[in-house]
Structure formats: C-alpha cells, structure tokens
Amino acid sequence: MAFAYRNGTLCAEQVPLDELARRFGTPCYVYSRAAIEGAYAEYSDALAGRDALICYSVKANPNLAVLALMAKLGAGFDIVSGGELARVLAAGGDPRKTLFSGVGKTALEIEQALLAGVMCINLESEPELERVNAVAERLDKRAPVAFRVNPDVDARTHPYISTGLRQSKFGVPHDDAERLYAKAARMPNIEIHGIGCHVGSQLMDSAPFIEAAARIGALAERLEAAGIALAHVDLGGGIGIRYRDEAPRPVAEFVTGALATVKAGRARLILDPGRSIVGNAGLLLTRVEYVKPGAAKSFLVVDAAMNDLLRPALYDAWHEVRAVREAPPGARPATYDVVGPVCESGDFLARQRPLVAASGDLLAVMSAGAYGMSMSSNYNSRPRAAEVMVDGAVAHLIRSREAVQDLFALERILP
C-alpha cells in the first residue's frame, strides 16, 4: 500500500511521515510514485491491444515532477490554459500528444498552442472555431481541432463537477455538432482531427460514461458517413476514487464499456484521467497547533487551512483524517472539527471526526493528491505548502515551500 502504518507510524511507501515533517516542515503535500504508476497501469492494461492514448488531465495535479513521470510512462496531456501548456513543455511532455481544452481560450493561448504544435485544440463554441481559424490564418497554419460535444448525459455527481448536461457551460450542443463540423470542414485554416466529450468528474458508476461514449460513437459514425474523417475519439475522464465509503467501479469496467462503443480500427481512442491517477496517491501532512475544547463543539486547530486544501470548503468534500502516530492502547478518541487558522468560518478540513490528538501531533489528510495543491492559494498571505514525492525509501522535494517574501515579490509601492 502507498500509505500504511509501520511500527505504529503512518508511512508513505517506506518513509515515515514524521520524518518527512522533520525534513520538510508542515503543511506539506506528500505523493507516492508507486501509487501514481499503479493507477496509470490500470488504464494502460485495460487499453492493451487498442490504438489508444492516455492524456493526463494536468489540472488535477500540475507539479512538474508529476508531469515528467506521466511523460516517462508514455502519457499525453489534457490542458486548459497556456500556463498548463508551458508546464507540460517544461516537464518534457510532447506537444504532439497534448490536447488543449477549455471554454475561454484567448487568442494568445491559441497562438501558443499552434506554435508549439499541439495535437489538437478542443473547441467548445462556434465563436471559438472562428477565433481559432483567424489565428491560424494569421500564422499561415492549419489548426488541428475537435469539438467537445455535450452529450446531455447526467453524470449523477456533484453539480459543480457535472459537465455533460445541456445547461453546462462546457462543449457544444449535441444537436448542433453536425452543422458545426460541416462549417469547420469548409474553413481553409481548420483541419478536423477528432471529436470529444466529458460528462463530469468523480463518476462512481460506469453507466453514464458508457452512455456518453455510445452517443459520441454514433455521432462519429454519422460524421464519417458525411465525409468528415476523424482521427480520434476522446471520451474524457472523470472516473472517481474512494474518499470515504464510495465504491467506484473498476477502471477496466469503464474502459471496456467505452471500447465497445467505438469501432476498433476506425479512430484512436483517447481518455483524459486526472483524479483517478493522482487522487489517492497523495496526502496533506499537517500539525496540530491547538486543541480547543468547547461546550458545543471541539476543535483541532492545525497549520494547514482552506488555502492549502479548498475541496472541503468548496464542495463540502469529505477527506479521511488519520493520526500519523497510532493511538496507544486504551486511548479514547474525542470528536473534533479539524480547522485551519484562516479567518473564515468555512475554513475546515474535516468535521466531527473521532481522533486522539494533542498539540504538536501530526495528522494526514488523505486522498489529497488531486485538486489539492493545484487549487491552493495565498489567502491570508499564507505561503503555499511544500510538495514531496516518495519513491520507495527515498523522499524527493519536488516543490519548495514558498517564503513570505515570495508573496509580494511582484508588487510595487507607489512613490
């Protein structure tokens, strides 16, 4: 296991977390290389024998070390900004295996993508098609594109991360797709490469994913019958992980069901997983500053906060919290809210958890490898955490902790 107790101490692979706290301080994100590689292998094994590409969703965790590991494993990348493109290139990722998604690409970002030679720009509106064509014309290039088609499938997940319904800001309506493809085919600086969709994130059941794949597969067949050739079909990502008591279906079930909807040999199949590769491969290590008992509620005030891990405040998301040192026999837990020092009532990491803890103890907030550091901020002028990747018995610092002076290094005082 990536994270397990050894001799009473929670470890990342073979390294005790209290050792990491001594070396790198807290709060600190800790990732397991073996867990990332194992999660990636679930996809590659399920796709064996099929022309397919796994494009890691950079927004889940964009650390350069994570991206470089993905590239070494053979992955492509799914990006949503010019900054993410720059990260992929800095990490040694191949732009020819990179998809550029997102609803609000600027002209500059489109230019950067075309000059870098990305595999495909995923279009999410008709005005974006026109903008991409204009930028490509100015650069004397043909832009490789696909439309992200909204399949109007209910992913049955949190409304903030459900992206495949017709009221979503993402993608083009399914009913408009054939018209838009016909228009794109007539544009001199557009080259149609594929078709894509994404129904949402944290999917527990494969049925919505397979239903969306079937709708996109049928649409792809109609486009090809109309003379519009497609080099790939991108079915997105969104496969969920276990945070608490969820029981996500195996990755292979999602993949096998999707493969059945896209005819072999017709087009390359692309999947864009993020959370399911890195989510359970990471944790947030934090130290208890104060134990604050109360008549109505008791608190563990820790040195991590909502600026470090936003998901609980944003989604009311549940993360398991473990004591780094196992409680001694006979110790009776008390019930606490685990909160940070940020001046917001919504600054919590966990609520109503039975824990044995004292000031100075270390806690691990589990399943924090996805949308943890990537959503962090400097709110309350708090430096962002360090990041560490453990590989067996070796721990590597992959992002230094920010210094306070870094927070205002770009600011200027008026004369």
Protein backbone atom coordinates (compact mmCIF):
# COMPACT_ATOMS: atom_id res chain seq x y z
CA MET A 1 0.00 0.00 0.00
CA ALA A 2 1.14 3.56 -0.69
CA PHE A 3 0.23 4.74 2.82
CA ALA A 4 0.23 2.29 5.72
CA TYR A 5 1.22 2.07 9.36
CA ARG A 6 4.61 0.54 10.12
CA ASN A 7 5.56 0.08 13.77
CA GLY A 8 2.80 2.46 14.78
CA THR A 9 3.71 5.28 12.39
CA LEU A 10 1.95 6.13 9.14
CA CYS A 11 4.38 5.89 6.23
CA ALA A 12 4.48 6.96 2.61
CA GLU A 13 5.83 3.81 0.96
CA GLN A 14 8.85 3.11 3.20
CA VAL A 15 9.28 6.62 4.66
CA PRO A 16 7.64 7.59 7.99
CA LEU A 17 5.60 10.75 7.72
CA ASP A 18 7.06 12.18 10.91
CA GLU A 19 10.48 12.00 9.24
CA LEU A 20 9.09 13.99 6.30
CA ALA A 21 7.67 16.57 8.71
CA ARG A 22 11.08 16.97 10.33
CA ARG A 23 12.85 17.34 6.98
CA PHE A 24 10.38 19.47 5.06
CA GLY A 25 8.04 21.04 7.61
CA THR A 26 4.27 21.28 7.56
CA PRO A 27 1.89 21.73 5.91
CA CYS A 28 3.29 19.52 3.18
CA TYR A 29 1.83 17.53 0.31
CA VAL A 30 3.24 14.00 0.05
CA TYR A 31 2.85 11.79 -3.04
CA SER A 32 3.65 8.15 -3.70
CA ARG A 33 5.36 7.44 -7.02
CA ALA A 34 4.34 3.78 -6.87
CA ALA A 35 0.68 4.71 -6.38
CA ILE A 36 0.74 7.03 -9.40
CA GLU A 37 2.39 4.39 -11.56
CA GLY A 38 -0.06 1.74 -10.38
CA ALA A 39 -3.09 3.89 -11.16
CA TYR A 40 -1.73 4.69 -14.62
CA ALA A 41 -1.16 0.98 -15.25
CA GLU A 42 -4.86 0.28 -14.66
CA TYR A 43 -5.61 2.36 -17.75
CA SER A 44 -2.74 1.12 -19.91
CA ASP A 45 -3.54 -2.52 -19.10
CA ALA A 46 -7.24 -2.03 -19.91
CA LEU A 47 -6.33 -0.41 -23.24
CA ALA A 48 -3.73 -3.02 -24.24
CA GLY A 49 -4.04 -4.05 -27.88
CA ARG A 50 -6.08 -0.99 -28.85
CA ASP A 51 -4.85 2.15 -30.61
CA ALA A 52 -5.29 4.48 -27.65
CA LEU A 53 -3.69 7.37 -25.81
CA ILE A 54 -4.00 8.34 -22.14
CA CYS A 55 -3.89 12.14 -21.84
CA TYR A 56 -3.33 13.01 -18.18
CA SER A 57 -5.53 15.90 -17.03
CA VAL A 58 -2.97 18.45 -15.88
CA LYS A 59 -5.38 20.47 -13.74
CA ALA A 60 -5.64 17.60 -11.24
CA ASN A 61 -2.01 18.00 -10.19
CA PRO A 62 0.34 20.08 -12.37
CA ASN A 63 3.59 19.62 -10.44
CA LEU A 64 6.49 19.27 -12.89
CA ALA A 65 7.66 16.03 -11.27
CA VAL A 66 4.20 14.51 -11.71
CA LEU A 67 4.05 15.64 -15.34
CA ALA A 68 7.54 14.32 -16.05
CA LEU A 69 6.57 10.96 -14.55
CA MET A 70 3.48 10.88 -16.75
CA ALA A 71 5.60 11.61 -19.82
CA LYS A 72 8.01 8.79 -18.93
CA LEU A 73 5.07 6.42 -18.65
CA GLY A 74 4.01 7.35 -22.19
CA ALA A 75 1.10 9.64 -21.41
CA GLY A 76 -0.07 12.62 -23.35
CA PHE A 77 -1.70 15.59 -21.64
CA ASP A 78 -5.03 17.38 -21.46
CA ILE A 79 -4.52 21.09 -20.72
CA VAL A 80 -6.87 24.03 -20.17
CA SER A 81 -4.57 27.06 -20.25
CA GLY A 82 -1.41 28.49 -21.72
CA GLY A 83 0.20 28.10 -18.31
CA GLU A 84 -0.52 24.38 -18.31
CA LEU A 85 0.98 24.13 -21.81
CA ALA A 86 4.14 25.80 -20.53
CA ARG A 87 4.26 23.32 -17.64
CA VAL A 88 3.93 20.34 -19.96
CA LEU A 89 6.75 21.61 -22.15
CA ALA A 90 8.95 22.39 -19.13
CA ALA A 91 8.41 18.85 -17.84
CA GLY A 92 9.46 17.29 -21.15
CA GLY A 93 5.94 16.46 -22.33
CA ASP A 94 5.28 16.01 -26.03
CA PRO A 95 3.08 18.77 -27.51
CA ARG A 96 2.11 16.34 -30.28
CA LYS A 97 0.37 14.26 -27.60
CA THR A 98 -1.34 17.25 -25.97
CA LEU A 99 -4.99 18.28 -26.18
CA PHE A 100 -5.94 21.90 -25.44
CA SER A 101 -9.39 22.03 -23.83
CA GLY A 102 -11.28 24.80 -22.02
CA VAL A 103 -14.09 27.21 -22.79
CA GLY A 104 -12.23 30.54 -22.75
CA LYS A 105 -9.00 30.25 -24.73
CA THR A 106 -7.51 33.65 -25.58
CA ALA A 107 -6.05 34.47 -28.97
CA LEU A 108 -2.58 34.43 -27.37
CA GLU A 109 -3.14 30.96 -25.90
CA ILE A 110 -4.35 29.66 -29.26
CA GLU A 111 -1.26 31.11 -30.91
CA GLN A 112 0.98 29.50 -28.30
CA ALA A 113 -0.70 26.14 -28.87
CA LEU A 114 -0.35 26.31 -32.65
CA LEU A 115 3.29 27.40 -32.48
CA ALA A 116 4.06 24.60 -30.01
CA GLY A 117 2.46 22.06 -32.34
CA VAL A 118 -0.22 20.60 -30.06
CA MET A 119 -2.04 17.51 -31.25
CA CYS A 120 -5.47 19.10 -31.12
CA ILE A 121 -7.44 22.12 -29.91
CA ASN A 122 -10.77 21.08 -28.42
CA LEU A 123 -13.36 23.64 -29.49
CA GLU A 124 -16.19 24.44 -27.11
CA SER A 125 -18.23 27.01 -29.08
CA GLU A 126 -18.85 28.33 -32.58
CA PRO A 127 -17.15 31.68 -31.80
CA GLU A 128 -14.09 29.76 -30.69
CA LEU A 129 -13.99 27.96 -34.03
CA GLU A 130 -13.96 31.32 -35.78
CA ARG A 131 -11.24 32.67 -33.48
CA VAL A 132 -9.02 29.62 -33.99
CA ASN A 133 -9.44 29.88 -37.76
CA ALA A 134 -8.48 33.57 -37.67
CA VAL A 135 -5.39 32.97 -35.53
CA ALA A 136 -4.31 30.07 -37.75
CA GLU A 137 -4.76 32.24 -40.85
CA ARG A 138 -2.58 34.96 -39.36
CA LEU A 139 0.11 32.39 -38.60
CA ASP A 140 -0.28 30.73 -42.02
CA LYS A 141 -1.13 27.42 -40.36
CA ARG A 142 -3.93 24.89 -40.33
CA ALA A 143 -5.25 24.35 -36.83
CA PRO A 144 -5.93 20.75 -35.74
CA VAL A 145 -9.31 20.76 -33.99
CA ALA A 146 -12.03 18.64 -32.46
CA PHE A 147 -15.33 19.73 -30.99
CA ARG A 148 -16.13 18.88 -27.41
CA VAL A 149 -19.71 17.75 -27.82
CA ASN A 150 -22.07 17.96 -24.86
CA PRO A 151 -23.85 14.59 -24.82
CA ASP A 152 -26.55 15.75 -22.34
CA VAL A 153 -25.89 12.80 -20.05
CA ASP A 154 -26.42 13.10 -16.30
CA ALA A 155 -23.21 12.03 -14.59
CA ARG A 156 -25.01 11.80 -11.22
CA THR A 157 -22.20 13.58 -9.40
CA HIS A 158 -21.78 16.89 -7.53
CA PRO A 159 -23.38 19.71 -9.59
CA TYR A 160 -20.12 21.70 -9.57
CA ILE A 161 -18.30 18.86 -11.35
CA SER A 162 -21.11 17.63 -13.61
CA THR A 163 -20.18 18.91 -17.06
CA GLY A 164 -22.23 16.91 -19.55
CA LEU A 165 -25.75 18.35 -19.17
CA ARG A 166 -27.22 20.75 -21.69
CA GLN A 167 -27.16 23.65 -19.20
CA SER A 168 -23.41 23.27 -18.72
CA LYS A 169 -21.00 25.94 -19.95
CA PHE A 170 -18.84 23.22 -21.47
CA GLY A 171 -18.95 21.90 -25.02
CA VAL A 172 -21.26 22.45 -27.97
CA PRO A 173 -24.81 21.09 -28.01
CA HIS A 174 -25.15 17.59 -29.40
CA ASP A 175 -27.85 18.77 -31.82
CA ASP A 176 -25.50 21.44 -33.28
CA ALA A 177 -22.48 19.20 -33.76
CA GLU A 178 -23.05 18.05 -37.34
CA ARG A 179 -23.68 21.60 -38.53
CA LEU A 180 -20.55 22.86 -36.79
CA TYR A 181 -18.40 20.08 -38.21
CA ALA A 182 -19.67 20.87 -41.70
CA LYS A 183 -18.82 24.54 -41.17
CA ALA A 184 -15.36 23.69 -39.83
CA ALA A 185 -14.68 21.45 -42.82
CA ARG A 186 -15.17 24.43 -45.14
CA MET A 187 -12.72 26.69 -43.33
CA PRO A 188 -9.33 26.99 -45.05
CA ASN A 189 -7.25 27.13 -41.86
CA ILE A 190 -9.01 24.36 -39.95
CA GLU A 191 -8.10 20.68 -40.03
CA ILE A 192 -10.57 18.36 -38.32
CA HIS A 193 -8.83 15.73 -36.20
CA GLY A 194 -11.44 14.26 -33.90
CA ILE A 195 -14.40 14.51 -31.58
CA GLY A 196 -14.63 14.56 -27.80
CA CYS A 197 -16.85 14.73 -24.74
CA HIS A 198 -16.65 14.81 -20.95
CA VAL A 199 -19.66 14.17 -18.75
CA GLY A 200 -18.29 15.05 -15.33
CA SER A 201 -15.93 14.17 -12.53
CA GLN A 202 -15.90 11.69 -9.63
CA LEU A 203 -18.05 9.13 -11.50
CA MET A 204 -18.85 6.08 -9.38
CA ASP A 205 -20.89 4.19 -11.96
CA SER A 206 -19.71 3.37 -15.46
CA ALA A 207 -23.21 3.68 -16.97
CA PRO A 208 -23.16 7.48 -17.65
CA PHE A 209 -19.65 7.22 -19.08
CA ILE A 210 -20.64 4.37 -21.41
CA GLU A 211 -23.89 6.12 -22.38
CA ALA A 212 -21.97 9.25 -23.36
CA ALA A 213 -19.43 7.16 -25.28
CA ALA A 214 -22.24 5.48 -27.20
CA ARG A 215 -23.77 8.85 -28.15
CA ILE A 216 -20.40 10.20 -29.28
CA GLY A 217 -19.59 6.98 -31.13
CA ALA A 218 -22.89 7.14 -33.05
CA LEU A 219 -22.28 10.80 -33.88
CA ALA A 220 -18.78 9.96 -35.09
CA GLU A 221 -20.25 7.35 -37.46
CA ARG A 222 -22.68 9.90 -38.90
CA LEU A 223 -19.88 12.41 -39.43
CA GLU A 224 -17.75 9.86 -41.22
CA ALA A 225 -20.70 8.87 -43.39
CA ALA A 226 -20.96 12.55 -44.34
CA GLY A 227 -17.33 12.55 -45.45
CA ILE A 228 -15.75 14.05 -42.31
CA ALA A 229 -12.88 11.79 -41.29
CA LEU A 230 -11.94 11.58 -37.61
CA ALA A 231 -8.51 10.51 -36.39
CA HIS A 232 -9.56 10.17 -32.76
CA VAL A 233 -12.49 9.89 -30.39
CA ASP A 234 -11.85 11.46 -26.99
CA LEU A 235 -14.16 10.14 -24.26
CA GLY A 236 -12.80 12.33 -21.48
CA GLY A 237 -12.10 11.22 -17.94
CA GLY A 238 -13.91 11.66 -14.66
CA ILE A 239 -13.60 8.18 -13.16
CA GLY A 240 -13.98 8.54 -9.42
CA ILE A 241 -11.94 7.46 -6.41
CA ARG A 242 -12.76 6.40 -2.89
CA TYR A 243 -12.65 9.27 -0.40
CA ARG A 244 -14.90 7.84 2.30
CA ASP A 245 -17.25 4.94 1.62
CA GLU A 246 -17.70 5.33 -2.13
CA ALA A 247 -17.41 2.20 -4.23
CA PRO A 248 -16.28 3.28 -7.70
CA ARG A 249 -16.47 0.64 -10.36
CA PRO A 250 -13.08 -0.61 -11.63
CA VAL A 251 -11.30 1.41 -14.29
CA ALA A 252 -11.37 -1.64 -16.57
CA GLU A 253 -15.19 -1.65 -16.49
CA PHE A 254 -15.32 1.96 -17.70
CA VAL A 255 -12.72 1.33 -20.38
CA THR A 256 -14.15 -1.98 -21.62
CA GLY A 257 -17.62 -0.47 -21.88
CA ALA A 258 -16.29 2.54 -23.78
CA LEU A 259 -14.25 0.37 -26.16
CA ALA A 260 -17.41 -1.43 -27.16
CA THR A 261 -18.95 1.82 -28.37
CA VAL A 262 -16.05 2.93 -30.61
CA LYS A 263 -15.29 0.64 -33.51
CA ALA A 264 -11.78 -0.75 -33.46
CA GLY A 265 -9.54 0.44 -36.27
CA ARG A 266 -11.64 3.45 -37.14
CA ALA A 267 -10.13 6.01 -34.81
CA ARG A 268 -7.69 6.25 -31.94
CA LEU A 269 -9.39 6.23 -28.55
CA ILE A 270 -8.32 8.94 -26.09
CA LEU A 271 -9.05 9.07 -22.36
CA ASP A 272 -8.27 12.05 -20.11
CA PRO A 273 -8.00 10.81 -16.50
CA GLY A 274 -6.69 13.00 -13.71
CA ARG A 275 -8.14 12.41 -10.24
CA SER A 276 -8.17 8.62 -10.66
CA ILE A 277 -4.40 8.64 -11.28
CA VAL A 278 -3.20 11.04 -8.58
CA GLY A 279 -6.05 11.45 -6.07
CA ASN A 280 -5.32 8.54 -3.75
CA ALA A 281 -1.58 8.85 -4.40
CA GLY A 282 -1.29 11.95 -2.22
CA LEU A 283 -1.98 13.30 1.26
CA LEU A 284 -1.68 16.60 3.09
CA LEU A 285 0.55 16.41 6.16
CA THR A 286 -0.33 18.91 8.90
CA ARG A 287 0.49 19.57 12.55
CA VAL A 288 -1.92 20.30 15.39
CA GLU A 289 -1.27 23.78 16.81
CA TYR A 290 -4.02 23.88 19.42
CA VAL A 291 -6.63 21.61 20.92
CA LYS A 292 -9.63 23.84 21.57
CA PRO A 293 -12.40 22.16 23.58
CA GLY A 294 -15.87 23.70 23.71
CA ALA A 295 -19.30 23.07 25.15
CA ALA A 296 -20.97 22.77 21.72
CA LYS A 297 -18.02 21.64 19.62
CA SER A 298 -14.32 20.93 19.99
CA PHE A 299 -11.63 21.83 17.50
CA LEU A 300 -8.20 20.74 16.40
CA VAL A 301 -6.59 23.89 15.01
CA VAL A 302 -3.91 22.75 12.54
CA ASP A 303 -1.33 24.58 10.44
CA ALA A 304 -2.99 23.63 7.14
CA ALA A 305 -6.07 25.54 6.01
CA MET A 306 -8.61 26.07 3.25
CA ASN A 307 -5.97 27.91 1.23
CA ASP A 308 -3.98 24.63 1.18
CA LEU A 309 -6.91 22.27 0.55
CA LEU A 310 -10.02 24.02 -0.75
CA ARG A 311 -12.19 20.99 -1.53
CA PRO A 312 -13.90 20.71 1.89
CA ALA A 313 -14.86 24.40 1.93
CA LEU A 314 -15.81 24.45 -1.76
CA TYR A 315 -17.68 21.15 -2.15
CA ASP A 316 -18.17 20.12 1.49
CA ALA A 317 -15.88 17.30 0.38
CA TRP A 318 -15.00 14.52 2.82
CA HIS A 319 -11.36 13.53 3.35
CA GLU A 320 -10.27 10.86 5.79
CA VAL A 321 -8.03 12.21 8.56
CA ARG A 322 -5.52 9.87 10.18
CA ALA A 323 -3.18 10.40 13.11
CA VAL A 324 0.40 9.86 11.97
CA ARG A 325 1.15 8.06 15.25
CA GLU A 326 -1.32 5.35 16.18
CA ALA A 327 -3.08 5.97 19.48
CA PRO A 328 -1.81 3.98 22.45
CA PRO A 329 -3.95 1.05 23.63
CA GLY A 330 -6.90 2.22 25.67
CA ALA A 331 -6.79 5.82 24.46
CA ARG A 332 -10.29 7.19 23.99
CA PRO A 333 -10.87 9.48 21.00
CA ALA A 334 -12.75 12.74 21.22
CA THR A 335 -14.79 14.27 18.41
CA TYR A 336 -13.28 17.30 16.71
CA ASP A 337 -13.65 19.62 13.76
CA VAL A 338 -10.25 19.90 12.11
CA VAL A 339 -9.86 23.56 11.19
CA GLY A 340 -7.16 25.93 9.99
CA PRO A 341 -6.06 29.42 11.00
CA VAL A 342 -7.66 31.24 8.05
CA CYS A 343 -10.19 33.90 9.09
CA GLU A 344 -13.26 32.28 7.52
CA SER A 345 -15.93 30.18 9.19
CA GLY A 346 -15.69 27.89 6.17
CA ASP A 347 -12.04 27.14 6.90
CA PHE A 348 -12.24 23.47 7.79
CA LEU A 349 -10.58 20.29 6.57
CA ALA A 350 -12.88 17.84 8.34
CA ARG A 351 -15.88 17.90 10.65
CA GLN A 352 -16.90 15.73 13.57
CA ARG A 353 -14.01 13.25 13.47
CA PRO A 354 -13.10 10.89 16.32
CA LEU A 355 -9.39 11.40 16.94
CA VAL A 356 -6.81 11.03 19.66
CA ALA A 357 -4.67 14.14 19.32
CA ALA A 358 -2.65 16.67 21.25
CA SER A 359 -0.87 19.89 20.40
CA GLY A 360 2.17 19.07 18.27
CA ASP A 361 0.76 15.84 16.85
CA LEU A 362 0.80 15.19 13.11
CA LEU A 363 -2.30 14.42 11.06
CA ALA A 364 -2.59 13.16 7.50
CA VAL A 365 -5.48 14.37 5.34
CA MET A 366 -5.85 11.51 2.88
CA SER A 367 -6.78 11.36 -0.81
CA ALA A 368 -5.41 14.85 -1.41
CA GLY A 369 -3.30 14.18 -4.48
CA ALA A 370 -5.84 15.69 -6.89
CA TYR A 371 -7.21 19.24 -6.73
CA GLY A 372 -5.23 19.92 -3.57
CA MET A 373 -2.09 21.87 -4.34
CA SER A 374 -3.47 22.78 -7.76
CA MET A 375 -6.34 24.74 -6.15
CA SER A 376 -4.29 26.25 -3.34
CA SER A 377 -3.88 29.99 -2.83
CA ASN A 378 -2.11 32.61 -0.74
CA TYR A 379 -5.26 33.79 1.03
CA ASN A 380 -4.45 35.50 4.34
CA SER A 381 -0.91 35.92 2.96
CA ARG A 382 -0.09 32.30 3.68
CA PRO A 383 2.83 30.77 1.75
CA ARG A 384 1.88 27.66 -0.16
CA ALA A 385 2.98 24.26 1.09
CA ALA A 386 5.98 22.19 0.09
CA GLU A 387 5.49 19.11 -2.09
CA VAL A 388 7.38 15.83 -1.70
CA MET A 389 7.37 12.66 -3.79
CA VAL A 390 8.38 9.39 -2.16
CA ASP A 391 9.96 6.66 -4.25
CA GLY A 392 10.47 3.58 -2.09
CA ALA A 393 12.77 4.61 0.74
CA VAL A 394 13.75 7.95 -0.83
CA ALA A 395 11.89 11.25 -0.48
CA HIS A 396 12.38 13.99 -3.07
CA LEU A 397 11.43 17.64 -2.53
CA ILE A 398 9.57 18.48 -5.75
CA ARG A 399 8.39 21.94 -4.75
CA SER A 400 9.99 24.15 -2.14
CA ARG A 401 7.80 25.86 0.40
CA GLU A 402 7.09 29.46 -0.53
CA ALA A 403 8.78 32.13 1.55
CA VAL A 404 6.80 35.10 2.86
CA GLN A 405 8.83 37.47 0.67
CA ASP A 406 7.71 35.47 -2.39
CA LEU A 407 4.15 36.62 -1.71
CA PHE A 408 4.85 40.25 -2.56
CA ALA A 409 7.88 39.92 -4.84
CA LEU A 410 5.85 41.12 -7.84
CA GLU A 411 4.20 44.05 -6.05
CA ARG A 412 5.28 47.70 -6.14
CA ILE A 413 4.72 50.58 -3.71
CA LEU A 414 3.70 53.85 -5.34
CA PRO A 415 6.15 56.80 -4.98
